[in-house]
Amino acid sequence: MSKVLLINGSPHQFGCTYTALRETADTLEKNGVETELFHIGTKPIAGCIACAKCHESGRCVFDDGVNRLLERLDEFQGIVIGSPVYYAGPAGQLCAFLDRLFYCGENKMAGKLAAVVSCRRGGATAAFDRLNKYFTISSMQVVGSQYWNQIHGRTAEDAKKDLEGLQTMRTLGQNMAWMLKNMENGAEHPAYEKRLRTDFIRR
């Protein structure tokens, strides 16, 4: 059975972002996909300091939830990221978390995923684009829906009134479940060449 990790990047554990993720998770589960929600919490999260120690140890020097997920990435065939929108971008703590998670775990990220963006009014598409950048640089396949993956409301109660947004989350869940089933029954994932990085520094 496929399993999908849903990361809640909001400081509010059960707010609008959770409501969107829960709608997607419920649809995944109805389609035979196991889900797990992970809340990054409210404690300060260190950003990447480009020390490259993770290339030696496979772990980040900052021992927090990033390392706990790094140890378990192979369990998940899909990742869904949820964030509130602050000044037309994802939450800063979430970006610090994802910068480290994707850099440390870049060799384990190929799979299915989608970004869920929650906002009160505007800025959702800009935040949606920012989150998708993590996926498209990591050989991951982005799952779409009937509209951009966003839901509107200041509170969870407001979000539950956004019927189009909720339907978008359910359609996202259906599409992800379908793609995961195809992945299980179809061709194997590509075997990639060793990663090259262009560097014009003269040595």
C-alpha atoms as a PDB file:
ATOM      1  CA  MET A   1       0.000   0.000   0.000  1.00  0.00           C
ATOM      2  CA  SER A   2       1.285   3.467  -0.885  1.00  0.00           C
ATOM      3  CA  LYS A   3       1.747   6.017   1.863  1.00  0.00           C
ATOM      4  CA  VAL A   4       1.623   9.808   1.644  1.00  0.00           C
ATOM      5  CA  LEU A   5       3.192  12.275   4.074  1.00  0.00           C
ATOM      6  CA  LEU A   6       1.276  15.519   4.565  1.00  0.00           C
ATOM      7  CA  ILE A   7       3.334  18.312   6.145  1.00  0.00           C
ATOM      8  CA  ASN A   8       1.425  21.052   7.964  1.00  0.00           C
ATOM      9  CA  GLY A   9       3.603  24.168   7.833  1.00  0.00           C
ATOM     10  CA  SER A  10       1.193  26.404   9.719  1.00  0.00           C
ATOM     11  CA  PRO A  11       1.781  27.454  13.331  1.00  0.00           C
ATOM     12  CA  HIS A  12      -1.885  26.575  13.915  1.00  0.00           C
ATOM     13  CA  GLN A  13      -2.077  22.806  14.127  1.00  0.00           C
ATOM     14  CA  PHE A  14      -5.796  22.603  13.346  1.00  0.00           C
ATOM     15  CA  GLY A  15      -6.423  25.747  11.269  1.00  0.00           C
ATOM     16  CA  CYS A  16      -7.079  26.380   7.577  1.00  0.00           C
ATOM     17  CA  THR A  17      -4.001  24.503   6.363  1.00  0.00           C
ATOM     18  CA  TYR A  18      -4.932  21.443   8.407  1.00  0.00           C
ATOM     19  CA  THR A  19      -8.481  21.606   7.029  1.00  0.00           C
ATOM     20  CA  ALA A  20      -7.147  21.505   3.450  1.00  0.00           C
ATOM     21  CA  LEU A  21      -4.686  18.702   4.213  1.00  0.00           C
ATOM     22  CA  ARG A  22      -7.319  16.692   6.063  1.00  0.00           C
ATOM     23  CA  GLU A  23      -9.687  16.895   3.085  1.00  0.00           C
ATOM     24  CA  THR A  24      -6.942  15.580   0.802  1.00  0.00           C
ATOM     25  CA  ALA A  25      -5.900  12.897   3.301  1.00  0.00           C
ATOM     26  CA  ASP A  26      -9.460  11.646   3.717  1.00  0.00           C
ATOM     27  CA  THR A  27      -9.809  11.283  -0.062  1.00  0.00           C
ATOM     28  CA  LEU A  28      -6.486   9.448  -0.305  1.00  0.00           C
ATOM     29  CA  GLU A  29      -7.554   7.045   2.416  1.00  0.00           C
ATOM     30  CA  LYS A  30     -10.891   6.398   0.687  1.00  0.00           C
ATOM     31  CA  ASN A  31      -8.837   5.412  -2.356  1.00  0.00           C
ATOM     32  CA  GLY A  32      -6.691   2.941  -0.452  1.00  0.00           C
ATOM     33  CA  VAL A  33      -3.682   5.176   0.266  1.00  0.00           C
ATOM     34  CA  GLU A  34      -2.294   5.388   3.802  1.00  0.00           C
ATOM     35  CA  THR A  35      -1.603   8.899   5.105  1.00  0.00           C
ATOM     36  CA  GLU A  36       0.335  10.554   7.917  1.00  0.00           C
ATOM     37  CA  LEU A  37       0.129  14.192   8.978  1.00  0.00           C
ATOM     38  CA  PHE A  38       3.227  15.923  10.346  1.00  0.00           C
ATOM     39  CA  HIS A  39       2.973  19.334  12.027  1.00  0.00           C
ATOM     40  CA  ILE A  40       6.230  21.329  12.078  1.00  0.00           C
ATOM     41  CA  GLY A  41       5.102  23.055  15.289  1.00  0.00           C
ATOM     42  CA  THR A  42       5.708  26.520  16.678  1.00  0.00           C
ATOM     43  CA  LYS A  43       9.315  26.334  17.896  1.00  0.00           C
ATOM     44  CA  PRO A  44      11.995  28.245  15.960  1.00  0.00           C
ATOM     45  CA  ILE A  45      13.413  26.292  13.006  1.00  0.00           C
ATOM     46  CA  ALA A  46      16.983  26.886  11.880  1.00  0.00           C
ATOM     47  CA  GLY A  47      17.646  27.605   8.239  1.00  0.00           C
ATOM     48  CA  CYS A  48      20.304  25.873   6.157  1.00  0.00           C
ATOM     49  CA  ILE A  49      23.814  27.220   6.877  1.00  0.00           C
ATOM     50  CA  ALA A  50      25.415  25.526   3.818  1.00  0.00           C
ATOM     51  CA  CYS A  51      27.855  23.521   5.946  1.00  0.00           C
ATOM     52  CA  ALA A  52      27.387  20.405   3.731  1.00  0.00           C
ATOM     53  CA  LYS A  53      27.789  18.110   6.758  1.00  0.00           C
ATOM     54  CA  CYS A  54      24.667  16.262   5.615  1.00  0.00           C
ATOM     55  CA  HIS A  55      26.628  14.980   2.602  1.00  0.00           C
ATOM     56  CA  GLU A  56      28.911  13.170   5.034  1.00  0.00           C
ATOM     57  CA  SER A  57      26.405  11.919   7.596  1.00  0.00           C
ATOM     58  CA  GLY A  58      23.056  11.921   5.798  1.00  0.00           C
ATOM     59  CA  ARG A  59      21.691  14.047   8.636  1.00  0.00           C
ATOM     60  CA  CYS A  60      21.368  17.752   9.308  1.00  0.00           C
ATOM     61  CA  VAL A  61      23.562  19.321  12.004  1.00  0.00           C
ATOM     62  CA  PHE A  62      20.401  20.796  13.515  1.00  0.00           C
ATOM     63  CA  ASP A  63      18.701  17.831  15.166  1.00  0.00           C
ATOM     64  CA  ASP A  64      14.984  18.459  14.909  1.00  0.00           C
ATOM     65  CA  GLY A  65      11.976  17.263  12.889  1.00  0.00           C
ATOM     66  CA  VAL A  66      13.962  17.443   9.657  1.00  0.00           C
ATOM     67  CA  ASN A  67      16.167  14.559  10.800  1.00  0.00           C
ATOM     68  CA  ARG A  68      13.153  12.578  11.999  1.00  0.00           C
ATOM     69  CA  LEU A  69      11.611  12.801   8.524  1.00  0.00           C
ATOM     70  CA  LEU A  70      14.923  12.164   6.738  1.00  0.00           C
ATOM     71  CA  GLU A  71      15.138   8.813   8.499  1.00  0.00           C
ATOM     72  CA  ARG A  72      11.678   7.892   7.213  1.00  0.00           C
ATOM     73  CA  LEU A  73      11.536   9.322   3.672  1.00  0.00           C
ATOM     74  CA  ASP A  74      11.689   5.876   2.084  1.00  0.00           C
ATOM     75  CA  GLU A  75       8.351   5.031   3.749  1.00  0.00           C
ATOM     76  CA  PHE A  76       6.475   7.590   1.661  1.00  0.00           C
ATOM     77  CA  GLN A  77       5.636   7.487  -2.028  1.00  0.00           C
ATOM     78  CA  GLY A  78       4.058  10.924  -1.982  1.00  0.00           C
ATOM     79  CA  ILE A  79       4.470  14.209  -0.127  1.00  0.00           C
ATOM     80  CA  VAL A  80       1.889  16.974   0.242  1.00  0.00           C
ATOM     81  CA  ILE A  81       2.996  20.278   1.737  1.00  0.00           C
ATOM     82  CA  GLY A  82       0.540  22.707   3.284  1.00  0.00           C
ATOM     83  CA  SER A  83       1.269  26.319   4.201  1.00  0.00           C
ATOM     84  CA  PRO A  84      -0.491  29.526   5.115  1.00  0.00           C
ATOM     85  CA  VAL A  85       0.343  32.528   2.951  1.00  0.00           C
ATOM     86  CA  TYR A  86       2.370  35.351   4.499  1.00  0.00           C
ATOM     87  CA  TYR A  87       3.045  38.335   2.224  1.00  0.00           C
ATOM     88  CA  ALA A  88       2.343  36.219  -0.883  1.00  0.00           C
ATOM     89  CA  GLY A  89       4.751  33.475   0.197  1.00  0.00           C
ATOM     90  CA  PRO A  90       4.823  30.318   2.334  1.00  0.00           C
ATOM     91  CA  ALA A  91       5.488  30.579   6.076  1.00  0.00           C
ATOM     92  CA  GLY A  92       9.145  31.339   6.830  1.00  0.00           C
ATOM     93  CA  GLN A  93       9.506  28.475   9.299  1.00  0.00           C
ATOM     94  CA  LEU A  94       8.231  26.045   6.675  1.00  0.00           C
ATOM     95  CA  CYS A  95      10.699  27.301   4.065  1.00  0.00           C
ATOM     96  CA  ALA A  96      13.580  26.896   6.558  1.00  0.00           C
ATOM     97  CA  PHE A  97      12.352  23.360   7.263  1.00  0.00           C
ATOM     98  CA  LEU A  98      11.979  22.452   3.580  1.00  0.00           C
ATOM     99  CA  ASP A  99      15.309  23.976   2.539  1.00  0.00           C
ATOM    100  CA  ARG A 100      17.063  21.559   4.871  1.00  0.00           C
ATOM    101  CA  LEU A 101      14.780  18.579   4.234  1.00  0.00           C
ATOM    102  CA  PHE A 102      15.137  18.752   0.465  1.00  0.00           C
ATOM    103  CA  TYR A 103      18.859  19.496   0.496  1.00  0.00           C
ATOM    104  CA  CYS A 104      19.701  16.714   2.941  1.00  0.00           C
ATOM    105  CA  GLY A 105      17.263  14.277   1.341  1.00  0.00           C
ATOM    106  CA  GLU A 106      17.695  15.205  -2.322  1.00  0.00           C
ATOM    107  CA  ASN A 107      18.533  11.613  -3.313  1.00  0.00           C
ATOM    108  CA  LYS A 108      15.319  10.275  -1.760  1.00  0.00           C
ATOM    109  CA  MET A 109      12.769  12.727  -3.093  1.00  0.00           C
ATOM    110  CA  ALA A 110      11.741  11.201  -6.427  1.00  0.00           C
ATOM    111  CA  GLY A 111       8.018  10.405  -6.177  1.00  0.00           C
ATOM    112  CA  LYS A 112       4.575  11.922  -6.254  1.00  0.00           C
ATOM    113  CA  LEU A 113       3.598  15.065  -4.420  1.00  0.00           C
ATOM    114  CA  ALA A 114       1.580  18.275  -4.477  1.00  0.00           C
ATOM    115  CA  ALA A 115       1.575  21.637  -2.669  1.00  0.00           C
ATOM    116  CA  VAL A 116      -1.516  22.726  -0.761  1.00  0.00           C
ATOM    117  CA  VAL A 117      -1.705  26.445  -0.064  1.00  0.00           C
ATOM    118  CA  SER A 118      -4.068  28.022   2.424  1.00  0.00           C
ATOM    119  CA  CYS A 119      -4.743  31.740   2.497  1.00  0.00           C
ATOM    120  CA  ARG A 120      -7.240  34.277   3.758  1.00  0.00           C
ATOM    121  CA  ARG A 121      -7.571  36.175   0.488  1.00  0.00           C
ATOM    122  CA  GLY A 122      -4.665  36.783  -1.927  1.00  0.00           C
ATOM    123  CA  GLY A 123      -1.131  35.649  -2.640  1.00  0.00           C
ATOM    124  CA  ALA A 124      -1.914  31.951  -2.895  1.00  0.00           C
ATOM    125  CA  THR A 125      -0.614  31.397  -6.426  1.00  0.00           C
ATOM    126  CA  ALA A 126       2.744  33.020  -5.620  1.00  0.00           C
ATOM    127  CA  ALA A 127       3.136  30.794  -2.556  1.00  0.00           C
ATOM    128  CA  PHE A 128       1.987  27.800  -4.594  1.00  0.00           C
ATOM    129  CA  ASP A 129       4.710  28.524  -7.151  1.00  0.00           C
ATOM    130  CA  ARG A 130       7.366  28.833  -4.433  1.00  0.00           C
ATOM    131  CA  LEU A 131       6.486  25.445  -2.950  1.00  0.00           C
ATOM    132  CA  ASN A 132       6.467  23.765  -6.344  1.00  0.00           C
ATOM    133  CA  LYS A 133      10.096  24.794  -6.810  1.00  0.00           C
ATOM    134  CA  TYR A 134      11.117  22.153  -4.244  1.00  0.00           C
ATOM    135  CA  PHE A 135       9.429  19.451  -6.290  1.00  0.00           C
ATOM    136  CA  THR A 136      10.520  20.327  -9.799  1.00  0.00           C
ATOM    137  CA  ILE A 137      14.215  20.454  -8.853  1.00  0.00           C
ATOM    138  CA  SER A 138      14.035  17.047  -7.153  1.00  0.00           C
ATOM    139  CA  SER A 139      12.842  14.754 -10.000  1.00  0.00           C
ATOM    140  CA  MET A 140       9.385  14.656  -8.459  1.00  0.00           C
ATOM    141  CA  GLN A 141       6.097  14.603 -10.341  1.00  0.00           C
ATOM    142  CA  VAL A 142       3.696  17.385  -9.397  1.00  0.00           C
ATOM    143  CA  VAL A 143       0.064  16.337  -9.020  1.00  0.00           C
ATOM    144  CA  GLY A 144      -2.527  18.805 -10.220  1.00  0.00           C
ATOM    145  CA  SER A 145      -6.188  19.359  -9.477  1.00  0.00           C
ATOM    146  CA  GLN A 146      -9.175  21.126 -11.016  1.00  0.00           C
ATOM    147  CA  TYR A 147      -7.762  24.475  -9.875  1.00  0.00           C
ATOM    148  CA  TRP A 148      -4.595  25.655  -8.142  1.00  0.00           C
ATOM    149  CA  ASN A 149      -4.347  23.825  -4.828  1.00  0.00           C
ATOM    150  CA  GLN A 150      -5.612  26.570  -2.562  1.00  0.00           C
ATOM    151  CA  ILE A 151      -8.362  27.128  -0.060  1.00  0.00           C
ATOM    152  CA  HIS A 152      -9.601  30.405   1.374  1.00  0.00           C
ATOM    153  CA  GLY A 153     -10.522  31.421   4.894  1.00  0.00           C
ATOM    154  CA  ARG A 154      -9.095  33.036   8.003  1.00  0.00           C
ATOM    155  CA  THR A 155     -10.170  30.204  10.289  1.00  0.00           C
ATOM    156  CA  ALA A 156     -10.838  26.483   9.872  1.00  0.00           C
ATOM    157  CA  GLU A 157     -14.549  27.280  10.038  1.00  0.00           C
ATOM    158  CA  ASP A 158     -14.163  29.731   7.153  1.00  0.00           C
ATOM    159  CA  ALA A 159     -12.211  27.202   5.103  1.00  0.00           C
ATOM    160  CA  LYS A 160     -14.984  24.650   5.514  1.00  0.00           C
ATOM    161  CA  LYS A 161     -17.320  27.118   3.772  1.00  0.00           C
ATOM    162  CA  ASP A 162     -15.071  27.292   0.709  1.00  0.00           C
ATOM    163  CA  LEU A 163     -16.838  24.516  -1.176  1.00  0.00           C
ATOM    164  CA  GLU A 164     -14.752  24.960  -4.325  1.00  0.00           C
ATOM    165  CA  GLY A 165     -11.534  24.872  -2.325  1.00  0.00           C
ATOM    166  CA  LEU A 166     -12.584  21.712  -0.506  1.00  0.00           C
ATOM    167  CA  GLN A 167     -13.517  20.073  -3.798  1.00  0.00           C
ATOM    168  CA  THR A 168     -10.120  21.067  -5.210  1.00  0.00           C
ATOM    169  CA  MET A 169      -8.472  19.260  -2.277  1.00  0.00           C
ATOM    170  CA  ARG A 170     -10.573  16.140  -2.886  1.00  0.00           C
ATOM    171  CA  THR A 171      -9.770  16.165  -6.605  1.00  0.00           C
ATOM    172  CA  LEU A 172      -6.104  16.491  -5.695  1.00  0.00           C
ATOM    173  CA  GLY A 173      -6.431  13.431  -3.456  1.00  0.00           C
ATOM    174  CA  GLN A 174      -8.117  11.462  -6.228  1.00  0.00           C
ATOM    175  CA  ASN A 175      -5.454  12.395  -8.763  1.00  0.00           C
ATOM    176  CA  MET A 176      -2.632  11.548  -6.390  1.00  0.00           C
ATOM    177  CA  ALA A 177      -4.175   8.169  -5.518  1.00  0.00           C
ATOM    178  CA  TRP A 178      -4.582   7.401  -9.226  1.00  0.00           C
ATOM    179  CA  MET A 179      -0.987   8.330  -9.993  1.00  0.00           C
ATOM    180  CA  LEU A 180       0.325   6.283  -7.067  1.00  0.00           C
ATOM    181  CA  LYS A 181      -1.607   3.230  -8.265  1.00  0.00           C
ATOM    182  CA  ASN A 182      -0.170   3.685 -11.742  1.00  0.00           C
ATOM    183  CA  MET A 183       3.275   3.980 -10.232  1.00  0.00           C
ATOM    184  CA  GLU A 184       2.786   0.730  -8.308  1.00  0.00           C
ATOM    185  CA  ASN A 185       1.643  -1.161 -11.406  1.00  0.00           C
ATOM    186  CA  GLY A 186       3.703   0.556 -14.106  1.00  0.00           C
ATOM    187  CA  ALA A 187       7.294   1.093 -15.106  1.00  0.00           C
ATOM    188  CA  GLU A 188      10.084   1.408 -12.600  1.00  0.00           C
ATOM    189  CA  HIS A 189      11.356   4.856 -11.707  1.00  0.00           C
ATOM    190  CA  PRO A 190      14.263   6.029 -13.907  1.00  0.00           C
ATOM    191  CA  ALA A 191      17.833   5.315 -12.835  1.00  0.00           C
ATOM    192  CA  TYR A 192      19.572   8.676 -12.958  1.00  0.00           C
ATOM    193  CA  GLU A 193      23.124   9.617 -13.833  1.00  0.00           C
ATOM    194  CA  LYS A 194      25.352  10.930 -11.086  1.00  0.00           C
ATOM    195  CA  ARG A 195      24.324  14.535 -10.441  1.00  0.00           C
ATOM    196  CA  LEU A 196      26.480  17.168 -12.152  1.00  0.00           C
ATOM    197  CA  ARG A 197      26.720  20.738 -10.923  1.00  0.00           C
ATOM    198  CA  THR A 198      28.069  23.435 -13.222  1.00  0.00           C
ATOM    199  CA  ASP A 199      30.846  25.357 -11.485  1.00  0.00           C
ATOM    200  CA  PHE A 200      32.925  28.005 -13.232  1.00  0.00           C
ATOM    201  CA  ILE A 201      35.362  28.514 -10.372  1.00  0.00           C
ATOM    202  CA  ARG A 202      38.915  27.994 -11.597  1.00  0.00           C
ATOM    203  CA  ARG A 203      40.880  25.580  -9.464  1.00  0.00           C
END
